[in-house]
């Protein structure tokens, strides 16, 4: 759903940029709390995990899957990031991914970067996390309950993003297409894409829950208190005395995640669907892209433009190398940024880890 240059006019693109910048600024403040906890609370493990989440989202976004009628879809990632590392950090994860895609790979217009961060980052994270937290209140406090809430939250977040794009288009679209037609087409196809998003997100969160539930932000308080029957009534058992176990290192999970992201971007991406994604298909069918050809992407001359390495003739090798470079760059930039946010949190508390 990467919006290119030319779909939205300059004033609205600029306004969306202001909204995105404000959202990132607010998320930076919130992420300091999510990333700045004590080692015992897992704070020192969230920053590398957040960098990994950004790299993983980048990799999976290269895997377009067929939907219907010559249309494909790909992960947006807002729900996945929010549930794994928290909503504030999740917004920053998607912003890092979109920035790397726009600057290095000419994917998503730079003038439309604010639109993309707002639609693909802020809207998906806010909607998904709100739905997820609401479902956690009514579903069983088990891994299955978390996974089910994850599936529904991810599913809902995608058509919500499609509706948000339609709203932006209604205000600042560069072509004269009835908004009702755009809304129907966008939401219709993105409901189908949302099913794929939900499956990928639920499988990923479920896999992490199976090995390291302590690293899943949305699974905090997963275990329900033990119940005892006293006098015919169920009461909460007294909690056992804590033994303060040493925190586990996330190294194995981090290494496994990095290897998985590299394989997905470097190898599996070659087999991704070549059909246009939901927004591209709707834009072509409805005429939204009528003026897009007038705009050349600012980084169209990048040696990695269109997810290929300039000078490498083999399409398989070129795409694979571009994917590996993208994963590495996103991992480095994301991890560095999140460590900086965490360090700022520590400095602001006078060196104490809170």
Protein backbone atom coordinates (compact mmCIF):
# COMPACT_ATOMS: atom_id res chain seq x y z
CA UNK A 1 0.00 0.00 0.00
CA UNK A 2 2.96 2.31 -0.53
CA UNK A 3 1.57 5.59 -1.85
CA UNK A 4 3.78 6.99 -4.64
CA UNK A 5 4.35 10.62 -5.53
CA UNK A 6 1.49 12.14 -7.53
CA UNK A 7 -1.51 10.46 -5.88
CA UNK A 8 -1.94 13.17 -3.22
CA UNK A 9 -1.43 16.89 -3.83
CA UNK A 10 1.38 18.89 -2.22
CA UNK A 11 -0.60 20.71 0.52
CA UNK A 12 -2.21 17.53 1.84
CA UNK A 13 1.08 15.63 1.54
CA UNK A 14 2.74 18.36 3.60
CA UNK A 15 -0.06 18.22 6.19
CA UNK A 16 0.30 14.45 6.40
CA UNK A 17 4.02 14.97 6.88
CA UNK A 18 3.30 17.20 9.87
CA UNK A 19 0.92 14.57 11.30
CA UNK A 20 3.52 11.84 10.78
CA UNK A 21 6.28 13.92 12.35
CA UNK A 22 4.08 14.62 15.38
CA UNK A 23 3.21 10.93 15.67
CA UNK A 24 6.88 9.96 15.54
CA UNK A 25 7.74 12.60 18.16
CA UNK A 26 5.02 11.35 20.50
CA UNK A 27 6.07 7.75 19.83
CA UNK A 28 9.66 8.59 20.72
CA UNK A 29 8.49 9.73 24.14
CA UNK A 30 6.34 6.65 24.62
CA UNK A 31 9.02 4.31 23.30
CA UNK A 32 11.46 5.55 25.94
CA UNK A 33 9.25 3.86 28.51
CA UNK A 34 8.89 0.67 26.48
CA UNK A 35 12.63 0.51 25.76
CA UNK A 36 13.91 1.94 29.04
CA UNK A 37 12.98 -0.67 31.60
CA UNK A 38 15.44 -2.32 33.93
CA UNK A 39 17.32 -5.46 32.83
CA UNK A 40 15.13 -7.48 35.22
CA UNK A 41 12.05 -6.15 33.42
CA UNK A 42 13.54 -6.91 30.04
CA UNK A 43 14.28 -3.31 29.05
CA UNK A 44 17.76 -4.14 27.77
CA UNK A 45 16.29 -6.80 25.47
CA UNK A 46 13.62 -4.70 23.76
CA UNK A 47 15.94 -2.46 21.70
CA UNK A 48 17.60 -5.28 19.72
CA UNK A 49 14.23 -7.02 19.38
CA UNK A 50 12.70 -3.81 18.00
CA UNK A 51 15.48 -3.54 15.43
CA UNK A 52 14.84 -7.16 14.49
CA UNK A 53 11.10 -6.50 14.13
CA UNK A 54 11.80 -3.62 11.73
CA UNK A 55 14.14 -5.81 9.65
CA UNK A 56 11.64 -8.67 9.67
CA UNK A 57 8.80 -6.40 8.51
CA UNK A 58 11.05 -5.11 5.72
CA UNK A 59 11.78 -8.68 4.61
CA UNK A 60 8.18 -9.88 4.71
CA UNK A 61 6.96 -6.81 2.81
CA UNK A 62 9.00 -8.12 -0.14
CA UNK A 63 6.80 -11.24 -0.22
CA UNK A 64 3.73 -10.23 -2.18
CA UNK A 65 1.11 -13.00 -2.04
CA UNK A 66 -1.68 -13.45 -4.63
CA UNK A 67 -5.12 -12.33 -3.55
CA UNK A 68 -7.63 -12.37 -6.41
CA UNK A 69 -8.21 -11.07 -9.93
CA UNK A 70 -4.58 -10.31 -10.69
CA UNK A 71 -4.00 -8.54 -7.38
CA UNK A 72 -1.43 -9.22 -4.69
CA UNK A 73 -0.88 -8.07 -1.14
CA UNK A 74 1.91 -7.82 1.36
CA UNK A 75 2.31 -7.40 5.09
CA UNK A 76 1.83 -3.89 6.46
CA UNK A 77 3.31 -4.89 9.80
CA UNK A 78 1.73 -2.41 12.19
CA UNK A 79 -0.12 -5.07 14.19
CA UNK A 80 2.95 -7.32 14.34
CA UNK A 81 5.23 -4.55 15.57
CA UNK A 82 2.75 -3.22 18.15
CA UNK A 83 2.06 -6.61 19.69
CA UNK A 84 5.70 -7.72 19.78
CA UNK A 85 7.41 -4.55 21.04
CA UNK A 86 4.62 -2.14 22.03
CA UNK A 87 2.54 0.45 20.16
CA UNK A 88 4.94 3.40 20.55
CA UNK A 89 7.95 1.40 19.43
CA UNK A 90 5.78 -0.22 16.76
CA UNK A 91 5.09 3.13 15.09
CA UNK A 92 8.83 3.81 15.04
CA UNK A 93 9.53 0.37 13.54
CA UNK A 94 7.21 0.98 10.60
CA UNK A 95 8.57 4.52 10.14
CA UNK A 96 12.12 3.13 9.89
CA UNK A 97 11.01 0.53 7.34
CA UNK A 98 9.21 3.10 5.18
CA UNK A 99 12.15 5.51 5.34
CA UNK A 100 14.61 2.83 4.24
CA UNK A 101 12.31 1.69 1.44
CA UNK A 102 11.81 5.23 0.15
CA UNK A 103 15.44 6.33 0.33
CA UNK A 104 17.24 3.15 -0.77
CA UNK A 105 14.72 1.39 -2.99
CA UNK A 106 12.52 4.20 -4.40
CA UNK A 107 9.49 2.39 -2.97
CA UNK A 108 6.83 4.86 -1.87
CA UNK A 109 7.14 8.51 -2.80
CA UNK A 110 9.33 10.75 -0.66
CA UNK A 111 6.77 13.54 -0.88
CA UNK A 112 4.23 10.93 0.23
CA UNK A 113 6.37 9.65 3.11
CA UNK A 114 4.15 11.42 5.63
CA UNK A 115 1.06 9.85 4.06
CA UNK A 116 2.65 6.40 4.17
CA UNK A 117 3.78 6.69 7.78
CA UNK A 118 0.35 7.96 8.81
CA UNK A 119 -1.61 5.31 6.91
CA UNK A 120 0.68 2.28 7.13
CA UNK A 121 2.25 3.05 10.49
CA UNK A 122 0.07 5.13 12.76
CA UNK A 123 -3.37 3.91 11.67
CA UNK A 124 -2.45 0.22 11.59
CA UNK A 125 -0.73 0.35 14.97
CA UNK A 126 -3.47 2.33 16.71
CA UNK A 127 -6.34 0.26 15.30
CA UNK A 128 -4.61 -3.09 15.76
CA UNK A 129 -3.46 -2.44 19.30
CA UNK A 130 -6.86 -1.07 20.36
CA UNK A 131 -8.61 -4.16 18.98
CA UNK A 132 -5.96 -6.44 20.47
CA UNK A 133 -6.24 -4.95 23.96
CA UNK A 134 -10.03 -5.06 23.81
CA UNK A 135 -10.02 -8.73 22.87
CA UNK A 136 -7.48 -9.55 25.57
CA UNK A 137 -10.07 -8.42 28.11
CA UNK A 138 -12.60 -11.03 27.00
CA UNK A 139 -10.53 -13.89 25.58
CA UNK A 140 -8.83 -16.52 27.76
CA UNK A 141 -5.52 -15.43 29.28
CA UNK A 142 -3.64 -18.09 27.36
CA UNK A 143 -1.31 -18.25 24.39
CA UNK A 144 -4.27 -19.28 22.27
CA UNK A 145 -6.17 -16.21 23.41
CA UNK A 146 -3.26 -13.92 22.55
CA UNK A 147 -2.88 -15.54 19.13
CA UNK A 148 -6.61 -15.22 18.39
CA UNK A 149 -6.60 -11.56 19.43
CA UNK A 150 -3.54 -11.02 17.23
CA UNK A 151 -5.27 -12.54 14.20
CA UNK A 152 -8.37 -10.36 14.51
CA UNK A 153 -6.39 -7.20 15.27
CA UNK A 154 -4.15 -7.66 12.23
CA UNK A 155 -7.14 -8.45 10.01
CA UNK A 156 -9.01 -5.29 11.02
CA UNK A 157 -5.94 -3.04 10.71
CA UNK A 158 -5.55 -3.50 6.95
CA UNK A 159 -8.99 -2.32 5.72
CA UNK A 160 -8.72 0.44 8.35
CA UNK A 161 -5.55 1.62 6.62
CA UNK A 162 -7.32 1.38 3.25
CA UNK A 163 -10.14 3.56 4.60
CA UNK A 164 -7.59 6.03 5.95
CA UNK A 165 -5.97 6.31 2.53
CA UNK A 166 -9.40 6.93 1.00
CA UNK A 167 -9.97 9.76 3.47
CA UNK A 168 -6.63 11.33 2.54
CA UNK A 169 -7.48 10.91 -1.15
CA UNK A 170 -10.89 12.52 -0.61
CA UNK A 171 -9.16 15.62 0.76
CA UNK A 172 -6.14 15.83 -1.51
CA UNK A 173 -6.43 13.42 -4.44
CA UNK A 174 -4.93 14.68 -7.70
CA UNK A 175 -7.57 13.00 -9.86
CA UNK A 176 -11.34 13.31 -9.95
CA UNK A 177 -12.56 9.84 -9.02
CA UNK A 178 -15.73 9.42 -6.90
CA UNK A 179 -14.67 8.75 -3.32
CA UNK A 180 -17.36 6.10 -2.91
CA UNK A 181 -15.86 4.03 -5.71
CA UNK A 182 -12.38 4.38 -4.23
CA UNK A 183 -13.57 3.39 -0.76
CA UNK A 184 -15.46 0.34 -2.00
CA UNK A 185 -12.56 -0.87 -4.12
CA UNK A 186 -9.87 -0.17 -1.51
CA UNK A 187 -11.66 -1.70 1.46
CA UNK A 188 -12.91 -4.67 -0.58
CA UNK A 189 -9.50 -5.80 -1.79
CA UNK A 190 -7.76 -4.98 1.48
CA UNK A 191 -10.15 -7.14 3.49
CA UNK A 192 -8.75 -10.04 1.46
CA UNK A 193 -5.19 -8.81 1.98
CA UNK A 194 -6.00 -8.50 5.67
CA UNK A 195 -6.57 -12.25 5.86
CA UNK A 196 -3.00 -12.80 4.69
CA UNK A 197 -1.75 -10.14 7.10
CA UNK A 198 -3.61 -11.81 9.95
CA UNK A 199 -2.22 -15.25 9.15
CA UNK A 200 1.39 -14.01 8.92
CA UNK A 201 1.07 -11.92 12.08
CA UNK A 202 -0.59 -14.64 14.14
CA UNK A 203 1.94 -17.27 13.02
CA UNK A 204 4.87 -14.98 13.85
CA UNK A 205 3.54 -13.92 17.25
CA UNK A 206 2.59 -17.52 18.00
CA UNK A 207 6.10 -18.71 17.15
CA UNK A 208 7.69 -16.16 19.49
CA UNK A 209 5.15 -17.02 22.22
CA UNK A 210 6.13 -20.67 21.95
CA UNK A 211 9.80 -20.01 22.72
CA UNK A 212 10.01 -16.65 24.50
CA UNK A 213 6.63 -15.36 25.71
CA UNK A 214 8.47 -12.98 28.04
CA UNK A 215 9.62 -10.98 24.99
CA UNK A 216 6.11 -10.37 23.61
CA UNK A 217 4.85 -6.99 24.79
CA UNK A 218 1.21 -7.91 24.22
CA UNK A 219 1.50 -11.11 26.26
CA UNK A 220 2.42 -9.47 29.55
CA UNK A 221 0.39 -11.00 32.36
CA UNK A 222 -0.31 -14.00 30.17
CA UNK A 223 -0.59 -16.57 32.94
CA UNK A 224 -3.85 -16.49 34.87
CA UNK A 225 -3.62 -16.94 38.66
CA UNK A 226 -3.94 -20.46 39.99
CA UNK A 227 -7.44 -21.22 41.29
CA UNK A 228 -8.24 -23.34 44.34
CA UNK A 229 -11.66 -24.63 45.38
CA UNK A 230 -12.38 -23.62 48.96
CA UNK A 231 -15.78 -24.33 50.48
CA UNK A 232 -17.20 -24.98 47.04
CA UNK A 233 -15.95 -21.68 45.61
CA UNK A 234 -12.97 -20.91 43.38
CA UNK A 235 -10.47 -18.47 44.87
CA UNK A 236 -7.07 -17.23 43.73
CA UNK A 237 -4.21 -19.18 45.24
CA UNK A 238 -1.50 -17.23 47.04
CA UNK A 239 1.40 -16.53 44.66
CA UNK A 240 4.59 -18.42 45.24
CA UNK A 241 7.54 -16.51 46.63
CA UNK A 242 9.53 -15.07 43.73
CA UNK A 243 12.98 -16.51 43.19
CA UNK A 244 14.23 -13.65 40.97
CA UNK A 245 15.57 -15.85 38.16
CA UNK A 246 18.29 -14.41 35.99
CA UNK A 247 16.89 -12.81 32.81
CA UNK A 248 17.33 -14.94 29.73
CA UNK A 249 19.34 -13.62 26.84
CA UNK A 250 17.36 -13.06 23.63
CA UNK A 251 20.45 -13.93 21.55
CA UNK A 252 19.12 -17.20 20.12
CA UNK A 253 15.81 -15.64 19.13
CA UNK A 254 17.60 -12.61 17.66
CA UNK A 255 19.96 -14.76 15.59
CA UNK A 256 17.11 -16.98 14.41
CA UNK A 257 15.03 -13.94 13.47
CA UNK A 258 17.86 -12.32 11.53
CA UNK A 259 18.59 -15.53 9.62
CA UNK A 260 14.88 -15.93 8.83
CA UNK A 261 14.62 -12.33 7.58
CA UNK A 262 17.72 -12.77 5.39
CA UNK A 263 16.37 -15.99 3.87
CA UNK A 264 12.96 -14.45 3.22
CA UNK A 265 14.37 -11.31 1.60
CA UNK A 266 17.33 -12.95 -0.13
CA UNK A 267 15.77 -16.17 -1.40
CA UNK A 268 12.01 -16.49 -0.91
CA UNK A 269 11.30 -13.00 -2.29
CA UNK A 270 12.25 -14.23 -5.78
CA UNK A 271 9.06 -16.31 -5.78
CA UNK A 272 6.76 -13.49 -4.64
CA UNK A 273 3.77 -12.57 -6.76
CA UNK A 274 4.51 -10.07 -9.53
CA UNK A 275 0.90 -8.87 -9.65
CA UNK A 276 0.23 -5.27 -8.56
CA UNK A 277 -0.65 -4.83 -4.92
CA UNK A 278 -4.05 -3.65 -3.73
CA UNK A 279 -3.42 0.08 -4.03
CA UNK A 280 -1.67 -0.25 -7.40
CA UNK A 281 -4.54 -2.32 -8.79
CA UNK A 282 -7.24 0.04 -7.53
CA UNK A 283 -5.27 3.06 -8.74
CA UNK A 284 -4.95 1.59 -12.25
CA UNK A 285 -8.57 0.45 -12.42
CA UNK A 286 -10.06 3.68 -11.06
CA UNK A 287 -7.64 6.15 -12.65
CA UNK A 288 -6.12 7.40 -9.41
CA UNK A 289 -2.64 7.11 -10.95
CA UNK A 290 -3.45 9.32 -13.97
CA UNK A 291 -0.96 12.01 -12.92
CA UNK A 292 1.63 9.80 -11.23
CA UNK A 293 3.75 9.56 -14.39
CA UNK A 294 4.48 13.27 -14.12
CA UNK A 295 6.54 12.65 -11.00
CA UNK A 296 9.96 11.00 -10.94
CA UNK A 297 11.01 9.49 -7.65
CA UNK A 298 13.76 11.49 -5.97
CA UNK A 299 15.88 8.34 -5.53
CA UNK A 300 15.02 6.69 -8.84
CA UNK A 301 18.76 6.61 -9.65
CA UNK A 302 19.58 4.68 -6.48
CA UNK A 303 21.73 1.60 -7.20
CA UNK A 304 19.08 -0.38 -5.29
CA UNK A 305 15.99 1.13 -6.95
CA UNK A 306 13.12 -1.32 -7.52
CA UNK A 307 14.78 -3.89 -5.25
CA UNK A 308 17.63 -4.78 -7.56
CA UNK A 309 21.37 -4.17 -7.48
CA UNK A 310 22.60 -2.03 -10.34
CA UNK A 311 25.07 -3.85 -12.56
CA UNK A 312 24.02 -7.37 -11.52
CA UNK A 313 22.46 -9.03 -14.58
CA UNK A 314 20.92 -12.08 -12.90
CA UNK A 315 17.43 -11.11 -11.69
CA UNK A 316 17.52 -13.74 -8.96
CA UNK A 317 20.92 -12.63 -7.66
CA UNK A 318 20.14 -8.93 -8.05
CA UNK A 319 16.87 -9.14 -6.12
CA UNK A 320 18.36 -11.41 -3.48
CA UNK A 321 21.32 -9.12 -2.85
CA UNK A 322 19.03 -6.09 -2.66
CA UNK A 323 16.87 -7.88 -0.11
CA UNK A 324 19.85 -8.85 2.02
CA UNK A 325 21.23 -5.31 1.90
CA UNK A 326 17.82 -3.93 2.84
CA UNK A 327 17.49 -6.25 5.82
CA UNK A 328 21.00 -5.40 7.00
CA UNK A 329 20.50 -1.66 6.58
CA UNK A 330 17.10 -1.67 8.30
CA UNK A 331 18.46 -3.79 11.15
CA UNK A 332 21.43 -1.47 11.65
CA UNK A 333 19.47 1.78 11.45
CA UNK A 334 16.57 0.48 13.53
CA UNK A 335 18.69 -1.07 16.27
CA UNK A 336 20.90 2.01 16.45
CA UNK A 337 17.90 4.30 16.70
CA UNK A 338 16.23 2.21 19.40
CA UNK A 339 19.40 1.98 21.46
CA UNK A 340 19.71 5.76 21.21
CA UNK A 341 16.14 6.15 22.46
CA UNK A 342 16.84 3.76 25.32
CA UNK A 343 20.06 5.60 26.25
CA UNK A 344 18.18 8.91 26.23
CA UNK A 345 15.68 7.39 28.68
CA UNK A 346 18.54 6.31 30.96
CA UNK A 347 20.19 9.74 30.81
CA UNK A 348 16.91 11.50 31.58
CA UNK A 349 16.55 9.44 34.76
CA UNK A 350 19.99 10.39 36.03
CA UNK A 351 21.60 7.12 35.04
CA UNK A 352 19.06 4.98 36.86
CA UNK A 353 17.38 2.21 34.95
CA UNK A 354 13.67 2.45 35.53
